Amino acid sequence: MQALHRGDGEADQGVDRCVGAASSPFATVDEAADVAAEVRSRGLAAGIMVETPAAALLADRILEVVDFVSIGTNDLAQCTMAADRLATDLAHLTDPWQPVVLRWWR
């Protein structure tokens, strides 16, 4: 985080940059809030990776305590479908376009 903070402070004049830090994986709102506080204390935008079904279910509440989220489709698909993404015979289950994975975002 210190390197990100220094890098943002060295932005060229006239160039807008958005620097933030995302951390993962999370399963609770409290975990997200704790990391967000630490990241913000360094002057950065705070975000998390939504990579677990728990985080997907709590996304609306997590968005109340962080500045942004990024969806980790590979991990989320693997956890949702209980299928190892390294097992080629299960590749059809770990596709992030699986209808059940997309349902997290309705």
N, C-alpha and C. Protein backbone atom coordinates (compact mmCIF):
# COMPACT_ATOMS: atom_id res chain seq x y z
N MET A 1 0.82 -1.18 0.00
CA MET A 1 0.00 0.00 0.00
C MET A 1 0.87 1.25 0.00
N GLN A 2 2.01 1.20 0.65
CA GLN A 2 2.88 2.37 0.66
C GLN A 2 3.35 2.72 -0.74
N ALA A 3 3.68 1.73 -1.55
CA ALA A 3 4.12 1.99 -2.92
C ALA A 3 3.00 2.59 -3.75
N LEU A 4 1.78 2.09 -3.58
CA LEU A 4 0.65 2.66 -4.30
C LEU A 4 0.44 4.12 -3.90
N HIS A 5 0.54 4.37 -2.62
CA HIS A 5 0.34 5.73 -2.12
C HIS A 5 1.40 6.68 -2.69
N ARG A 6 2.65 6.26 -2.67
CA ARG A 6 3.72 7.10 -3.23
C ARG A 6 3.51 7.31 -4.72
N GLY A 7 3.12 6.27 -5.44
CA GLY A 7 2.91 6.38 -6.88
C GLY A 7 1.80 7.34 -7.22
N ASP A 8 0.74 7.34 -6.44
CA ASP A 8 -0.37 8.25 -6.71
C ASP A 8 0.06 9.69 -6.46
N GLY A 9 0.89 9.91 -5.49
CA GLY A 9 1.35 11.26 -5.19
C GLY A 9 2.29 11.82 -6.23
N GLU A 10 2.84 10.97 -7.08
CA GLU A 10 3.78 11.40 -8.09
C GLU A 10 3.13 11.57 -9.46
N ALA A 11 1.82 11.61 -9.50
CA ALA A 11 1.12 11.74 -10.78
C ALA A 11 1.53 13.04 -11.47
N ASP A 12 1.67 12.95 -12.77
CA ASP A 12 2.00 14.14 -13.55
C ASP A 12 0.91 15.17 -13.42
N GLN A 13 1.29 16.43 -13.42
CA GLN A 13 0.30 17.49 -13.34
C GLN A 13 -0.60 17.41 -14.57
N GLY A 14 -1.87 17.62 -14.38
CA GLY A 14 -2.82 17.59 -15.47
C GLY A 14 -3.28 16.19 -15.84
N VAL A 15 -2.78 15.18 -15.16
CA VAL A 15 -3.18 13.80 -15.45
C VAL A 15 -3.95 13.29 -14.25
N ASP A 16 -5.19 12.90 -14.48
CA ASP A 16 -6.01 12.34 -13.40
C ASP A 16 -5.76 10.84 -13.32
N ARG A 17 -5.58 10.37 -12.11
CA ARG A 17 -5.40 8.95 -11.87
C ARG A 17 -6.24 8.54 -10.69
N CYS A 18 -6.80 7.37 -10.79
CA CYS A 18 -7.53 6.80 -9.66
C CYS A 18 -6.74 5.61 -9.18
N VAL A 19 -6.21 5.71 -8.00
CA VAL A 19 -5.44 4.61 -7.42
C VAL A 19 -6.20 4.10 -6.21
N GLY A 20 -6.35 2.80 -6.18
CA GLY A 20 -7.01 2.19 -5.05
C GLY A 20 -6.37 0.85 -4.76
N ALA A 21 -6.81 0.24 -3.71
CA ALA A 21 -6.30 -1.07 -3.34
C ALA A 21 -7.47 -2.00 -3.12
N ALA A 22 -7.41 -3.16 -3.74
CA ALA A 22 -8.43 -4.19 -3.55
C ALA A 22 -7.78 -5.39 -2.89
N SER A 23 -8.50 -5.96 -1.98
CA SER A 23 -7.97 -7.10 -1.25
C SER A 23 -8.98 -8.23 -1.30
N SER A 24 -8.51 -9.44 -1.07
CA SER A 24 -9.41 -10.59 -1.12
C SER A 24 -8.82 -11.74 -0.33
N PRO A 25 -9.53 -12.81 -0.14
CA PRO A 25 -10.98 -12.96 -0.28
C PRO A 25 -11.68 -12.57 1.02
N PHE A 26 -12.91 -12.19 0.91
CA PHE A 26 -13.69 -11.78 2.06
C PHE A 26 -14.98 -12.57 2.15
N ALA A 27 -15.44 -12.74 3.36
CA ALA A 27 -16.70 -13.43 3.57
C ALA A 27 -17.66 -12.63 4.45
N THR A 28 -17.16 -11.55 5.10
CA THR A 28 -18.04 -10.78 5.98
C THR A 28 -17.88 -9.29 5.74
N VAL A 29 -18.88 -8.56 6.15
CA VAL A 29 -18.86 -7.10 6.05
C VAL A 29 -17.79 -6.53 6.98
N ASP A 30 -17.65 -7.12 8.17
CA ASP A 30 -16.65 -6.63 9.12
C ASP A 30 -15.24 -6.73 8.57
N GLU A 31 -14.92 -7.83 7.89
CA GLU A 31 -13.59 -7.98 7.27
C GLU A 31 -13.36 -6.88 6.25
N ALA A 32 -14.35 -6.64 5.41
CA ALA A 32 -14.23 -5.61 4.39
C ALA A 32 -14.06 -4.23 5.02
N ALA A 33 -14.82 -3.95 6.06
CA ALA A 33 -14.73 -2.65 6.74
C ALA A 33 -13.36 -2.44 7.38
N ASP A 34 -12.81 -3.49 7.99
CA ASP A 34 -11.48 -3.37 8.61
C ASP A 34 -10.41 -3.04 7.59
N VAL A 35 -10.41 -3.75 6.48
CA VAL A 35 -9.41 -3.49 5.45
C VAL A 35 -9.65 -2.12 4.81
N ALA A 36 -10.89 -1.76 4.59
CA ALA A 36 -11.21 -0.45 4.00
C ALA A 36 -10.67 0.68 4.88
N ALA A 37 -10.81 0.56 6.18
CA ALA A 37 -10.30 1.59 7.09
C ALA A 37 -8.79 1.72 6.97
N GLU A 38 -8.08 0.59 6.90
CA GLU A 38 -6.62 0.60 6.77
C GLU A 38 -6.20 1.24 5.44
N VAL A 39 -6.86 0.87 4.38
CA VAL A 39 -6.51 1.41 3.05
C VAL A 39 -6.80 2.91 3.00
N ARG A 40 -7.95 3.31 3.51
CA ARG A 40 -8.30 4.75 3.49
C ARG A 40 -7.38 5.57 4.36
N SER A 41 -6.85 4.97 5.44
CA SER A 41 -5.94 5.71 6.32
C SER A 41 -4.67 6.09 5.57
N ARG A 42 -4.42 5.46 4.46
CA ARG A 42 -3.26 5.76 3.63
C ARG A 42 -3.64 6.62 2.42
N GLY A 43 -4.86 7.12 2.43
CA GLY A 43 -5.29 8.03 1.38
C GLY A 43 -5.70 7.37 0.08
N LEU A 44 -6.02 6.09 0.12
CA LEU A 44 -6.39 5.37 -1.09
C LEU A 44 -7.86 4.98 -1.06
N ALA A 45 -8.42 4.75 -2.24
CA ALA A 45 -9.76 4.19 -2.34
C ALA A 45 -9.68 2.73 -1.95
N ALA A 46 -10.69 2.25 -1.26
CA ALA A 46 -10.68 0.88 -0.75
C ALA A 46 -11.70 0.02 -1.47
N GLY A 47 -11.26 -1.15 -1.90
CA GLY A 47 -12.17 -2.08 -2.55
C GLY A 47 -11.86 -3.51 -2.17
N ILE A 48 -12.74 -4.39 -2.57
CA ILE A 48 -12.52 -5.81 -2.33
C ILE A 48 -12.84 -6.59 -3.59
N MET A 49 -12.29 -7.79 -3.64
CA MET A 49 -12.65 -8.75 -4.67
C MET A 49 -13.79 -9.59 -4.13
N VAL A 50 -14.86 -9.70 -4.91
CA VAL A 50 -15.96 -10.59 -4.55
C VAL A 50 -15.65 -11.92 -5.20
N GLU A 51 -15.15 -12.85 -4.38
CA GLU A 51 -14.71 -14.15 -4.89
C GLU A 51 -15.37 -15.32 -4.20
N THR A 52 -16.15 -15.05 -3.17
CA THR A 52 -16.79 -16.13 -2.44
C THR A 52 -18.30 -15.95 -2.50
N PRO A 53 -19.05 -17.05 -2.44
CA PRO A 53 -20.50 -16.91 -2.40
C PRO A 53 -20.97 -16.03 -1.24
N ALA A 54 -20.30 -16.11 -0.10
CA ALA A 54 -20.68 -15.26 1.04
C ALA A 54 -20.58 -13.79 0.68
N ALA A 55 -19.47 -13.39 0.05
CA ALA A 55 -19.30 -11.99 -0.34
C ALA A 55 -20.33 -11.60 -1.40
N ALA A 56 -20.65 -12.50 -2.31
CA ALA A 56 -21.66 -12.19 -3.33
C ALA A 56 -23.02 -11.96 -2.68
N LEU A 57 -23.37 -12.80 -1.71
CA LEU A 57 -24.65 -12.63 -1.02
C LEU A 57 -24.71 -11.33 -0.22
N LEU A 58 -23.56 -10.88 0.26
CA LEU A 58 -23.50 -9.67 1.08
C LEU A 58 -23.06 -8.43 0.29
N ALA A 59 -22.98 -8.54 -1.02
CA ALA A 59 -22.43 -7.45 -1.85
C ALA A 59 -23.10 -6.11 -1.57
N ASP A 60 -24.40 -6.08 -1.41
CA ASP A 60 -25.08 -4.80 -1.16
C ASP A 60 -24.61 -4.17 0.15
N ARG A 61 -24.39 -4.98 1.17
CA ARG A 61 -23.91 -4.45 2.46
C ARG A 61 -22.42 -4.12 2.41
N ILE A 62 -21.65 -4.92 1.69
CA ILE A 62 -20.22 -4.65 1.55
C ILE A 62 -20.01 -3.33 0.81
N LEU A 63 -20.83 -3.06 -0.19
CA LEU A 63 -20.71 -1.80 -0.93
C LEU A 63 -20.96 -0.58 -0.06
N GLU A 64 -21.56 -0.77 1.09
CA GLU A 64 -21.76 0.34 2.03
C GLU A 64 -20.48 0.71 2.76
N VAL A 65 -19.49 -0.20 2.80
CA VAL A 65 -18.27 0.05 3.58
C VAL A 65 -17.01 0.16 2.73
N VAL A 66 -17.11 -0.09 1.43
CA VAL A 66 -15.96 0.04 0.53
C VAL A 66 -16.30 1.00 -0.60
N ASP A 67 -15.29 1.41 -1.34
CA ASP A 67 -15.49 2.34 -2.44
C ASP A 67 -15.78 1.65 -3.76
N PHE A 68 -15.33 0.41 -3.90
CA PHE A 68 -15.57 -0.33 -5.13
C PHE A 68 -15.41 -1.82 -4.87
N VAL A 69 -15.95 -2.61 -5.77
CA VAL A 69 -15.73 -4.05 -5.74
C VAL A 69 -15.30 -4.49 -7.13
N SER A 70 -14.60 -5.59 -7.17
CA SER A 70 -14.24 -6.24 -8.42
C SER A 70 -14.70 -7.68 -8.28
N ILE A 71 -15.32 -8.19 -9.33
CA ILE A 71 -15.86 -9.54 -9.26
C ILE A 71 -14.80 -10.53 -9.73
N GLY A 72 -14.42 -11.43 -8.85
CA GLY A 72 -13.45 -12.48 -9.18
C GLY A 72 -14.18 -13.68 -9.75
N THR A 73 -14.46 -13.62 -11.06
CA THR A 73 -15.32 -14.64 -11.67
C THR A 73 -14.75 -16.05 -11.59
N ASN A 74 -13.44 -16.20 -11.72
CA ASN A 74 -12.86 -17.54 -11.67
C ASN A 74 -13.10 -18.20 -10.32
N ASP A 75 -12.72 -17.50 -9.25
CA ASP A 75 -12.90 -18.07 -7.91
C ASP A 75 -14.36 -18.20 -7.55
N LEU A 76 -15.16 -17.21 -7.91
CA LEU A 76 -16.58 -17.27 -7.59
C LEU A 76 -17.24 -18.45 -8.29
N ALA A 77 -16.91 -18.67 -9.55
CA ALA A 77 -17.48 -19.81 -10.26
C ALA A 77 -17.03 -21.12 -9.63
N GLN A 78 -15.76 -21.21 -9.29
CA GLN A 78 -15.22 -22.44 -8.70
C GLN A 78 -15.92 -22.73 -7.37
N CYS A 79 -16.06 -21.73 -6.53
CA CYS A 79 -16.70 -21.93 -5.22
C CYS A 79 -18.19 -22.22 -5.36
N THR A 80 -18.85 -21.51 -6.25
CA THR A 80 -20.29 -21.70 -6.44
C THR A 80 -20.61 -23.08 -6.96
N MET A 81 -19.82 -23.53 -7.93
CA MET A 81 -20.09 -24.81 -8.58
C MET A 81 -19.38 -25.99 -7.90
N ALA A 82 -18.56 -25.71 -6.87
CA ALA A 82 -17.81 -26.76 -6.17
C ALA A 82 -17.05 -27.63 -7.16
N ALA A 83 -16.35 -26.95 -8.08
CA ALA A 83 -15.60 -27.66 -9.12
C ALA A 83 -14.21 -27.04 -9.25
N ASP A 84 -13.21 -27.86 -9.26
CA ASP A 84 -11.83 -27.41 -9.40
C ASP A 84 -11.61 -26.89 -10.82
N ARG A 85 -11.19 -25.65 -10.93
CA ARG A 85 -11.02 -25.07 -12.27
C ARG A 85 -9.82 -25.65 -13.01
N LEU A 86 -8.96 -26.38 -12.32
CA LEU A 86 -7.84 -27.04 -12.98
C LEU A 86 -8.21 -28.41 -13.56
N ALA A 87 -9.40 -28.90 -13.21
CA ALA A 87 -9.87 -30.18 -13.74
C ALA A 87 -10.55 -29.92 -15.08
N THR A 88 -9.89 -30.29 -16.16
CA THR A 88 -10.41 -29.99 -17.50
C THR A 88 -11.78 -30.61 -17.75
N ASP A 89 -12.06 -31.75 -17.13
CA ASP A 89 -13.36 -32.37 -17.34
C ASP A 89 -14.49 -31.61 -16.64
N LEU A 90 -14.14 -30.63 -15.81
CA LEU A 90 -15.16 -29.82 -15.13
C LEU A 90 -15.20 -28.38 -15.65
N ALA A 91 -14.48 -28.12 -16.72
CA ALA A 91 -14.40 -26.75 -17.24
C ALA A 91 -15.77 -26.15 -17.52
N HIS A 92 -16.70 -26.95 -17.95
CA HIS A 92 -18.04 -26.43 -18.24
C HIS A 92 -18.72 -25.90 -16.97
N LEU A 93 -18.31 -26.41 -15.81
CA LEU A 93 -18.90 -25.96 -14.55
C LEU A 93 -18.27 -24.67 -14.04
N THR A 94 -17.02 -24.43 -14.39
CA THR A 94 -16.33 -23.25 -13.85
C THR A 94 -16.33 -22.08 -14.82
N ASP A 95 -17.10 -22.16 -15.86
CA ASP A 95 -17.27 -21.06 -16.80
C ASP A 95 -18.01 -19.93 -16.07
N PRO A 96 -17.43 -18.70 -16.04
CA PRO A 96 -18.10 -17.60 -15.33
C PRO A 96 -19.45 -17.21 -15.93
N TRP A 97 -19.76 -17.73 -17.11
CA TRP A 97 -21.06 -17.45 -17.72
C TRP A 97 -22.11 -18.48 -17.32
N GLN A 98 -21.77 -19.37 -16.40
CA GLN A 98 -22.76 -20.32 -15.88
C GLN A 98 -23.96 -19.52 -15.35
N PRO A 99 -25.16 -19.90 -15.72
CA PRO A 99 -26.35 -19.16 -15.27
C PRO A 99 -26.42 -18.97 -13.76
N VAL A 100 -26.04 -19.97 -12.98
CA VAL A 100 -26.12 -19.83 -11.53
C VAL A 100 -25.10 -18.81 -11.01
N VAL A 101 -23.95 -18.71 -11.65
CA VAL A 101 -22.95 -17.71 -11.25
C VAL A 101 -23.47 -16.31 -11.58
N LEU A 102 -24.09 -16.16 -12.73
CA LEU A 102 -24.64 -14.86 -13.12
C LEU A 102 -25.79 -14.42 -12.21
N ARG A 103 -26.48 -15.36 -11.61
CA ARG A 103 -27.61 -15.03 -10.71
C ARG A 103 -27.18 -14.23 -9.50
N TRP A 104 -25.88 -14.33 -9.12
CA TRP A 104 -25.40 -13.53 -7.99
C TRP A 104 -25.63 -12.05 -8.23
N TRP A 105 -25.70 -11.65 -9.48
CA TRP A 105 -25.70 -10.21 -9.81
C TRP A 105 -27.05 -9.70 -10.27
N ARG A 106 -28.10 -10.44 -10.02
CA ARG A 106 -29.44 -9.95 -10.35
C ARG A 106 -29.85 -8.81 -9.47
